[in-house]
C-alpha atoms as a PDB file:
ATOM      1  CA  MET A   1       1.899  -5.597 -21.720  1.00  0.00           C
ATOM      2  CA  SER A   2       1.997  -2.332 -23.300  1.00  0.00           C
ATOM      3  CA  CYS A   3       2.896   0.939 -21.360  1.00  0.00           C
ATOM      4  CA  PRO A   4      -0.856   2.499 -19.819  1.00  0.00           C
ATOM      5  CA  VAL A   5       0.953   5.771 -20.663  1.00  0.00           C
ATOM      6  CA  CYS A   6       2.153   5.517 -24.128  1.00  0.00           C
ATOM      7  CA  GLU A   7       1.147   2.393 -25.400  1.00  0.00           C
ATOM      8  CA  LYS A   8       4.535   1.430 -26.371  1.00  0.00           C
ATOM      9  CA  GLU A   9       6.538  -1.757 -25.662  1.00  0.00           C
ATOM     10  CA  THR A  10       7.333  -2.137 -21.385  1.00  0.00           C
ATOM     11  CA  VAL A  11      11.024  -2.510 -20.195  1.00  0.00           C
ATOM     12  CA  ALA A  12      11.628  -4.640 -17.093  1.00  0.00           C
ATOM     13  CA  ALA A  13      13.124  -1.928 -14.934  1.00  0.00           C
ATOM     14  CA  TYR A  14      10.067   0.391 -15.083  1.00  0.00           C
ATOM     15  CA  LYS A  15       7.419  -2.363 -15.584  1.00  0.00           C
ATOM     16  CA  PRO A  16       4.649  -1.210 -16.346  1.00  0.00           C
ATOM     17  CA  PHE A  17       5.554   1.311 -17.366  1.00  0.00           C
ATOM     18  CA  CYS A  18       8.295   1.682 -20.810  1.00  0.00           C
ATOM     19  CA  SER A  19      10.342   4.135 -19.205  1.00  0.00           C
ATOM     20  CA  LYS A  20      11.382   6.593 -15.609  1.00  0.00           C
ATOM     21  CA  ARG A  21       9.552   9.388 -17.990  1.00  0.00           C
ATOM     22  CA  CYS A  22       6.245   7.361 -18.347  1.00  0.00           C
ATOM     23  CA  ALA A  23       6.290   6.290 -14.316  1.00  0.00           C
ATOM     24  CA  ASP A  24       6.726  10.067 -13.974  1.00  0.00           C
ATOM     25  CA  VAL A  25       3.599  10.867 -15.700  1.00  0.00           C
ATOM     26  CA  ASP A  26       1.820   8.624 -14.269  1.00  0.00           C
ATOM     27  CA  LEU A  27       2.656   9.346 -10.951  1.00  0.00           C
ATOM     28  CA  ALA A  28       2.296  12.975 -11.403  1.00  0.00           C
ATOM     29  CA  LYS A  29      -1.537  12.170 -12.435  1.00  0.00           C
ATOM     30  CA  TRP A  30      -2.377  10.385  -8.989  1.00  0.00           C
ATOM     31  CA  LEU A  31      -1.150  13.167  -7.008  1.00  0.00           C
ATOM     32  CA  ASN A  32      -2.253  16.172  -8.967  1.00  0.00           C
ATOM     33  CA  GLY A  33      -6.168  14.208  -8.794  1.00  0.00           C
ATOM     34  CA  SER A  34      -6.404  13.222 -12.152  1.00  0.00           C
ATOM     35  CA  TYR A  35      -7.025   9.799 -11.136  1.00  0.00           C
ATOM     36  CA  ALA A  36      -9.107   8.823  -8.825  1.00  0.00           C
ATOM     37  CA  LEU A  37     -10.394   6.004  -6.950  1.00  0.00           C
ATOM     38  CA  PRO A  38     -14.862   5.360  -6.923  1.00  0.00           C
ATOM     39  CA  SER A  39     -16.236   5.199  -3.494  1.00  0.00           C
ATOM     40  CA  SER A  40     -19.488   3.787  -2.648  1.00  0.00           C
ATOM     41  CA  ASP A  41     -19.404   4.611   0.527  1.00  0.00           C
ATOM     42  CA  PRO A  42     -22.614   7.179   1.525  1.00  0.00           C
ATOM     43  CA  ASP A  43     -20.266   8.914   3.987  1.00  0.00           C
ATOM     44  CA  ASP A  44     -18.549   9.810   1.346  1.00  0.00           C
ATOM     45  CA  ALA A  45     -20.808  11.007  -0.577  1.00  0.00           C
ATOM     46  CA  GLU A  46     -22.357  13.220   1.904  1.00  0.00           C
ATOM     47  CA  ALA A  47     -19.233  14.661   2.963  1.00  0.00           C
ATOM     48  CA  LEU A  48     -18.572  16.302  -0.637  1.00  0.00           C
ATOM     49  CA  PHE A  49     -22.280  17.237  -0.877  1.00  0.00           C
ATOM     50  CA  GLU A  50     -21.598  19.086   2.306  1.00  0.00           C
ATOM     51  CA  ALA A  51     -18.416  20.450   0.591  1.00  0.00           C
ATOM     52  CA  MET A  52     -20.494  21.734  -2.329  1.00  0.00           C
ATOM     53  CA  GLU A  53     -22.778  23.146  -0.586  1.00  0.00           C
ATOM     54  CA  GLN A  54     -20.383  25.314   1.673  1.00  0.00           C
ATOM     55  CA  ALA A  55     -18.234  26.560  -0.949  1.00  0.00           C
ATOM     56  CA  HIS A  56     -21.524  27.533  -3.114  1.00  0.00           C
ATOM     57  CA  SER A  57     -22.667  29.690   0.251  1.00  0.00           C
ATOM     58  CA  GLN A  58     -19.642  31.398   0.559  1.00  0.00           C
ATOM     59  CA  PRO A  59     -18.482  34.859  -1.289  1.00  0.00           C
ATOM     60  CA  ASP A  60     -16.486  34.402  -4.430  1.00  0.00           C
ATOM     61  CA  ASP A  61     -14.289  36.828  -2.934  1.00  0.00           C
ATOM     62  CA  PRO A  62     -13.971  38.034   0.677  1.00  0.00           C
ATOM     63  CA  LEU A  63     -12.414  41.297   0.125  1.00  0.00           C
ATOM     64  CA  ASP A  64     -15.902  42.135  -1.811  1.00  0.00           C
ATOM     65  CA  GLU A  65     -17.821  41.794   0.828  1.00  0.00           C
ATOM     66  CA  LYS A  66     -16.130  44.100   3.038  1.00  0.00           C
ATOM     67  CA  LEU A  67     -16.400  46.888   0.205  1.00  0.00           C
ATOM     68  CA  HIS A  68     -20.386  47.228   0.393  1.00  0.00           C
END
């Protein structure tokens, strides 16, 4: 079995990774949102669509609106 991060041979202590570094790299990807689990729930898609619409309708800089 190879490490999913660097493809080196795995080490039992860090399985499925080859080292603590690769395990930490993988964890960081999960924590910063680089990895995501797909969803087929229509409510998730609707919530995303609404959030995108709301973000698009808001001014980029709230202070800019006060200056005009």
